[in-house]
C-alpha atoms as a PDB file:
ATOM      1  CA  MET A   1       7.271 -16.184  15.732  1.00  0.00           C
ATOM      2  CA  ARG A   2       5.510 -13.605  13.594  1.00  0.00           C
ATOM      3  CA  VAL A   3       1.859 -12.741  14.258  1.00  0.00           C
ATOM      4  CA  TYR A   4      -0.421 -11.539  11.445  1.00  0.00           C
ATOM      5  CA  GLU A   5      -3.708 -10.034  12.598  1.00  0.00           C
ATOM      6  CA  ASP A   6      -6.539  -8.654  10.436  1.00  0.00           C
ATOM      7  CA  LYS A   7      -4.431  -8.945   7.264  1.00  0.00           C
ATOM      8  CA  ASN A   8      -5.132  -9.770   3.627  1.00  0.00           C
ATOM      9  CA  LEU A   9      -2.079 -11.660   2.382  1.00  0.00           C
ATOM     10  CA  SER A  10      -1.570 -12.832  -1.172  1.00  0.00           C
ATOM     11  CA  ASP A  11       1.088 -14.454  -3.337  1.00  0.00           C
ATOM     12  CA  GLN A  12       3.414 -15.176  -0.410  1.00  0.00           C
ATOM     13  CA  SER A  13       5.072 -18.225   1.169  1.00  0.00           C
ATOM     14  CA  PHE A  14       4.836 -19.110   4.852  1.00  0.00           C
ATOM     15  CA  VAL A  15       6.246 -21.826   7.105  1.00  0.00           C
ATOM     16  CA  LEU A  16       3.255 -22.558   9.325  1.00  0.00           C
ATOM     17  CA  GLU A  17       5.354 -23.339  12.402  1.00  0.00           C
ATOM     18  CA  ASP A  18       6.788 -19.780  12.265  1.00  0.00           C
ATOM     19  CA  VAL A  19       3.566 -17.742  12.075  1.00  0.00           C
ATOM     20  CA  VAL A  20       0.211 -17.102  13.764  1.00  0.00           C
ATOM     21  CA  PHE A  21      -2.742 -15.921  11.669  1.00  0.00           C
ATOM     22  CA  ILE A  22      -5.659 -14.186  13.418  1.00  0.00           C
ATOM     23  CA  ARG A  23      -8.638 -13.035  11.338  1.00  0.00           C
ATOM     24  CA  CYS A  24      -6.614 -13.152   8.129  1.00  0.00           C
ATOM     25  CA  HIS A  25      -7.404 -13.950   4.517  1.00  0.00           C
ATOM     26  CA  LEU A  26      -4.667 -15.713   2.548  1.00  0.00           C
ATOM     27  CA  LYS A  27      -4.947 -15.918  -1.227  1.00  0.00           C
ATOM     28  CA  ASN A  28      -2.660 -17.772  -3.665  1.00  0.00           C
ATOM     29  CA  CYS A  29      -0.124 -18.560  -0.943  1.00  0.00           C
ATOM     30  CA  ASP A  30       2.258 -21.488  -0.477  1.00  0.00           C
ATOM     31  CA  LEU A  31       2.012 -22.911   3.049  1.00  0.00           C
ATOM     32  CA  PHE A  32       4.778 -25.247   4.221  1.00  0.00           C
ATOM     33  CA  PHE A  33       4.090 -27.593   7.121  1.00  0.00           C
ATOM     34  CA  SER A  34       6.557 -29.995   8.741  1.00  0.00           C
ATOM     35  CA  GLY A  35       4.447 -31.286  11.616  1.00  0.00           C
ATOM     36  CA  GLY A  36       5.251 -28.803  14.385  1.00  0.00           C
ATOM     37  CA  ASP A  37       3.002 -26.494  16.372  1.00  0.00           C
ATOM     38  CA  PHE A  38       0.966 -23.954  14.433  1.00  0.00           C
ATOM     39  CA  GLU A  39      -1.903 -21.608  15.138  1.00  0.00           C
ATOM     40  CA  TRP A  40      -4.585 -19.783  13.199  1.00  0.00           C
ATOM     41  CA  ALA A  41      -7.980 -18.413  14.199  1.00  0.00           C
ATOM     42  CA  GLU A  42     -10.838 -17.092  12.074  1.00  0.00           C
ATOM     43  CA  THR A  43      -8.632 -17.327   9.001  1.00  0.00           C
ATOM     44  CA  ASN A  44      -9.630 -18.134   5.411  1.00  0.00           C
ATOM     45  CA  PHE A  45      -7.509 -19.757   2.711  1.00  0.00           C
ATOM     46  CA  GLU A  46      -8.303 -19.118  -0.941  1.00  0.00           C
ATOM     47  CA  ASN A  47      -6.462 -21.040  -3.637  1.00  0.00           C
ATOM     48  CA  CYS A  48      -3.551 -21.765  -1.298  1.00  0.00           C
ATOM     49  CA  ARG A  49      -1.177 -24.677  -1.786  1.00  0.00           C
ATOM     50  CA  PHE A  50      -0.205 -26.748   1.230  1.00  0.00           C
ATOM     51  CA  ARG A  51       3.290 -28.239   0.984  1.00  0.00           C
ATOM     52  CA  TRP A  52       3.935 -31.168   3.309  1.00  0.00           C
ATOM     53  CA  ARG A  53       7.505 -31.692   4.563  1.00  0.00           C
ATOM     54  CA  GLY A  54       9.269 -34.044   6.964  1.00  0.00           C
ATOM     55  CA  PRO A  55       7.028 -35.885   9.452  1.00  0.00           C
ATOM     56  CA  ALA A  56       3.884 -34.173   8.096  1.00  0.00           C
ATOM     57  CA  LYS A  57       4.685 -35.454   4.596  1.00  0.00           C
ATOM     58  CA  ASN A  58       5.195 -38.976   5.947  1.00  0.00           C
ATOM     59  CA  THR A  59       1.919 -38.875   7.888  1.00  0.00           C
ATOM     60  CA  PHE A  60       0.044 -37.543   4.851  1.00  0.00           C
ATOM     61  CA  ALA A  61       1.501 -40.330   2.669  1.00  0.00           C
ATOM     62  CA  LEU A  62       0.593 -42.987   5.264  1.00  0.00           C
ATOM     63  CA  LEU A  63      -3.021 -41.770   5.563  1.00  0.00           C
ATOM     64  CA  LEU A  64      -3.355 -41.743   1.770  1.00  0.00           C
ATOM     65  CA  GLY A  65      -1.767 -45.181   1.494  1.00  0.00           C
ATOM     66  CA  ILE A  66      -4.082 -46.870   3.982  1.00  0.00           C
ATOM     67  CA  GLY A  67      -7.172 -45.145   2.609  1.00  0.00           C
ATOM     68  CA  LEU A  68      -8.017 -42.881   5.541  1.00  0.00           C
ATOM     69  CA  MET A  69      -7.694 -39.825   3.303  1.00  0.00           C
ATOM     70  CA  LYS A  70      -8.553 -39.238  -0.309  1.00  0.00           C
ATOM     71  CA  PRO A  71      -6.073 -37.431  -2.558  1.00  0.00           C
ATOM     72  CA  PRO A  72      -7.134 -33.804  -3.096  1.00  0.00           C
ATOM     73  CA  THR A  73      -8.592 -33.062  -6.506  1.00  0.00           C
ATOM     74  CA  ALA A  74      -8.258 -29.827  -8.450  1.00  0.00           C
ATOM     75  CA  GLY A  75     -10.324 -27.096  -6.849  1.00  0.00           C
ATOM     76  CA  GLN A  76     -10.849 -29.019  -3.616  1.00  0.00           C
ATOM     77  CA  PRO A  77      -9.442 -27.338  -0.469  1.00  0.00           C
ATOM     78  CA  GLN A  78      -6.997 -29.415   1.570  1.00  0.00           C
ATOM     79  CA  VAL A  79      -8.116 -27.882   4.870  1.00  0.00           C
ATOM     80  CA  PRO A  80     -11.377 -26.338   6.031  1.00  0.00           C
ATOM     81  CA  PRO A  81     -11.761 -22.771   4.693  1.00  0.00           C
ATOM     82  CA  THR A  82     -12.101 -21.292   8.188  1.00  0.00           C
ATOM     83  CA  VAL A  83     -10.622 -22.496  11.435  1.00  0.00           C
ATOM     84  CA  GLY A  84     -11.738 -20.789  14.608  1.00  0.00           C
ATOM     85  CA  GLN A  85      -9.458 -22.177  17.306  1.00  0.00           C
ATOM     86  CA  LYS A  86      -5.919 -23.094  18.180  1.00  0.00           C
ATOM     87  CA  LEU A  87      -5.139 -26.500  16.711  1.00  0.00           C
ATOM     88  CA  ASN A  88      -2.262 -27.736  18.826  1.00  0.00           C
END
């Protein structure tokens, strides 16, 4: 697992299960998530695209289908801009 700390990262792709972000700023990045463990703390996402795969994609589709989530609209973030704790 790769750890990024106090970094400004832009125009890159990451598999969220393979990285830890601590006090980072990601801009214009593609973030792939399959449903496994991930971690970020005090990290901001600007104009990033979340790509759902595998079980995460199925869960996202189910929540949309039963109305527990609304589809994201242009300019609306898909996750909170800052997360300050481990999420798993």
